[in-house]
Protein backbone atom coordinates (compact mmCIF):
# COMPACT_ATOMS: atom_id res chain seq x y z
CA MET A 1 18.24 -1.02 15.70
CA ALA A 2 15.62 1.68 15.19
CA ASN A 3 13.63 1.83 11.98
CA SER A 4 14.69 4.29 9.31
CA SER A 5 11.92 6.80 10.02
CA VAL A 6 12.96 7.00 13.70
CA ILE A 7 16.58 7.61 12.69
CA GLU A 8 15.49 10.22 10.15
CA PHE A 9 13.33 12.00 12.76
CA ILE A 10 16.25 12.20 15.20
CA SER A 11 18.51 13.47 12.40
CA LYS A 12 15.99 16.22 11.64
CA LEU A 13 15.92 17.21 15.31
CA GLN A 14 19.70 17.47 15.35
CA MET A 15 19.62 19.84 12.35
CA LEU A 16 17.21 22.32 13.94
CA GLN A 17 18.41 25.89 14.35
CA ALA A 18 18.55 27.67 17.72
CA GLY A 19 15.29 29.54 17.10
CA GLN A 20 13.45 26.33 16.24
CA LEU A 21 14.75 24.64 19.38
CA THR A 22 13.55 27.65 21.37
CA ILE A 23 10.04 27.22 19.96
CA LEU A 24 10.00 23.56 20.95
CA ARG A 25 11.44 24.31 24.41
CA GLY A 26 8.68 26.86 24.89
CA HIS A 27 6.13 24.07 24.50
CA ARG A 28 7.43 21.88 27.31
CA ASN A 29 4.55 20.27 29.21
CA GLN A 30 2.11 21.51 26.57
CA ALA A 31 -0.05 19.70 24.07
CA LEU A 32 0.81 19.72 20.38
CA ASP A 33 -2.08 22.03 19.57
CA ALA A 34 -1.13 24.66 22.19
CA SER A 35 0.19 27.05 19.53
CA LEU A 36 0.36 27.34 15.79
CA ALA A 37 4.14 27.90 15.77
CA GLY A 38 4.84 24.68 17.67
CA PHE A 39 2.31 22.71 15.67
CA ASP A 40 3.71 23.93 12.34
CA LEU A 41 7.31 23.23 13.30
CA PHE A 42 6.52 19.74 14.55
CA THR A 43 4.33 18.94 11.55
CA ALA A 44 7.16 19.92 9.20
CA LEU A 45 9.43 17.46 11.03
CA TRP A 46 7.05 14.56 11.48
CA TRP A 47 4.48 14.54 8.69
CA PRO A 48 6.87 13.87 5.77
CA LEU A 49 8.04 10.73 7.61
CA ARG A 50 4.46 9.59 8.13
CA GLU A 51 3.68 10.09 4.46
CA LYS A 52 6.68 7.97 3.44
CA ASN A 53 6.43 5.21 6.02
CA LYS A 54 3.48 3.76 7.86
CA PHE A 55 5.94 2.75 10.58
CA ALA A 56 6.83 6.34 11.41
CA PRO A 57 7.12 6.96 15.14
CA ARG A 58 3.89 7.74 16.98
CA LYS A 59 2.94 11.39 16.81
CA GLU A 60 2.47 11.90 20.57
CA VAL A 61 5.77 10.24 21.42
CA SER A 62 7.59 12.12 18.66
CA TRP A 63 6.22 15.38 20.07
CA LEU A 64 7.54 14.41 23.52
CA ILE A 65 10.97 13.54 22.12
CA ALA A 66 11.12 16.75 20.06
CA LYS A 67 10.46 18.87 23.15
CA SER A 68 12.87 16.79 25.25
CA TYR A 69 15.61 17.08 22.64
CA ALA A 70 15.09 20.85 22.43
CA ALA A 71 15.39 21.12 26.21
CA ARG A 72 18.39 18.78 26.46
CA PRO A 73 20.11 18.75 23.02
CA MET A 74 22.59 15.94 23.54
CA PRO A 75 24.24 14.24 20.58
CA GLN A 76 22.77 10.96 19.34
CA LEU A 77 25.05 8.09 20.35
CA ASP A 78 24.00 4.57 19.41
CA GLY A 79 24.07 2.33 22.46
CA ALA A 80 23.88 5.16 25.04
CA LEU A 81 20.63 3.80 26.43
CA MET A 82 18.86 5.89 29.03
CA PRO A 83 18.28 3.16 31.64
CA ASP A 84 21.89 2.01 31.25
CA LEU A 85 23.18 5.56 31.75
CA LEU A 86 20.93 6.02 34.79
CA GLY A 87 22.26 2.78 36.25
CA ARG A 88 25.80 3.96 35.69
CA LEU A 89 24.96 7.24 37.39
CA TYR A 90 23.72 5.23 40.35
CA HIS A 91 26.92 3.22 40.42
CA GLU A 92 29.09 6.36 40.31
CA ALA A 93 26.98 8.45 42.71
CA ALA A 94 27.73 9.20 46.31
CA GLU A 95 25.62 7.17 48.71
CA ASP A 96 23.31 10.11 49.50
CA LYS A 97 22.45 10.60 45.79
CA ARG A 98 21.75 6.97 44.94
CA LYS A 99 18.22 6.93 46.36
CA GLN A 100 17.31 9.95 44.22
CA ILE A 101 18.45 8.14 41.06
CA ILE A 102 16.55 4.96 41.94
CA ASP A 103 13.43 6.99 42.81
CA LEU A 104 13.58 8.88 39.51
CA ASN A 105 13.96 5.68 37.52
CA ASP A 106 11.14 3.98 39.45
CA ARG A 107 8.86 6.99 39.01
CA LEU A 108 9.53 6.97 35.27
CA LEU A 109 8.64 3.28 35.06
CA ASN A 110 5.33 3.88 36.83
CA LEU A 111 4.08 6.79 34.74
CA SER A 112 1.93 6.64 31.64
CA ILE A 113 3.28 8.18 28.46
CA ARG A 114 1.05 11.24 29.00
CA GLN A 115 2.53 11.85 32.47
CA LEU A 116 6.15 11.22 31.57
CA GLU A 117 7.50 14.59 30.46
CA PRO A 118 8.57 16.25 33.77
CA CYS A 119 10.20 13.09 35.13
CA LEU A 120 11.83 12.33 31.78
CA ASP A 121 13.29 15.84 31.73
CA HIS A 122 14.74 15.41 35.21
CA ASN A 123 16.41 12.15 34.17
CA LEU A 124 17.70 13.72 30.96
CA ALA A 125 19.21 16.58 32.96
CA LEU A 126 21.18 14.09 35.07
CA ILE A 127 22.40 12.27 31.97
CA GLN A 128 23.30 15.49 30.18
CA LYS A 129 25.32 16.73 33.14
CA ARG A 130 27.46 13.59 33.33
CA TYR A 131 27.51 12.05 29.83
CA ASN A 132 26.04 14.59 27.38
CA CYS A 133 24.98 11.89 24.92
CA LEU A 134 21.97 9.65 24.43
CA ASP A 135 20.58 7.11 22.01
CA TRP A 136 17.55 9.23 21.13
CA ALA A 137 16.42 6.76 18.47
CA TRP A 138 16.30 3.93 21.01
CA LEU A 139 14.41 6.16 23.46
CA LEU A 140 11.85 7.09 20.81
CA ASP A 141 11.38 3.43 19.90
CA LYS A 142 10.92 2.39 23.54
CA LEU A 143 8.55 5.20 24.42
CA SER A 144 6.47 4.34 21.36
CA VAL A 145 5.61 1.04 23.08
CA TRP A 146 5.77 2.34 26.65
CA GLU A 147 2.41 0.82 27.56
CA SER A 148 3.87 -2.67 27.04
CA LEU A 149 4.94 -4.37 30.25
CA SER A 150 7.86 -6.03 28.44
CA THR A 151 9.25 -2.59 27.49
CA ARG A 152 9.30 -1.48 31.10
CA GLU A 153 10.75 -4.82 32.22
CA GLN A 154 13.57 -4.47 29.70
CA TRP A 155 14.16 -0.89 30.92
CA ALA A 156 14.34 -2.06 34.56
CA GLU A 157 16.71 -4.89 33.65
CA LEU A 158 19.06 -2.52 31.82
CA PHE A 159 19.05 -0.17 34.81
CA ILE A 160 19.73 -2.94 37.32
CA ASN A 161 22.49 -4.50 35.23
CA ALA A 162 24.23 -1.13 34.82
CA LYS A 163 24.00 -0.40 38.54
CA TYR A 164 26.47 -3.17 39.23
CA LYS A 165 29.04 -2.71 36.52
CA THR A 166 31.39 0.00 35.42
CA ARG A 167 32.48 0.92 31.97
CA GLU A 168 33.04 4.17 30.17
CA VAL A 169 30.62 5.72 27.71
CA ASN A 170 32.42 6.41 24.46
CA HIS A 171 31.46 9.95 23.46
CA ASP A 172 33.20 9.81 20.06
């Protein structure tokens, strides 16, 4: 389970208005300091959490998740883990699409956190098209420790396990 500041950050993202999401979407593949509007909006979301809790999610990863959420605003669903959903997509996909899904997952696993955004967006687009839900809090937690080999091993294991089993994602 994610810590309370991660859950609160995701809740704040889900309450953003259309104009605020547009600002964040406009900053895709850009640094936090690229514009004052983006910086101010993000700071209003993230800084109060940091003041309250030293275990607030990392700023750089929170910025990535904020932009990703704005681009692909899927509802938060506990347990809808990204590697599991990608594995399910693989399982359900036609034979000619399976290699693309494996390649996207493998590419994601081999990128540093600073290189992740375009590949992450592509994966999120696939998930949004089929499931339209994601455990954003889990994703933020995992990306916060992305440099850890054990995080990527856990990700790969979840993907592989989901590739070989079928079960429905409960969207309720």
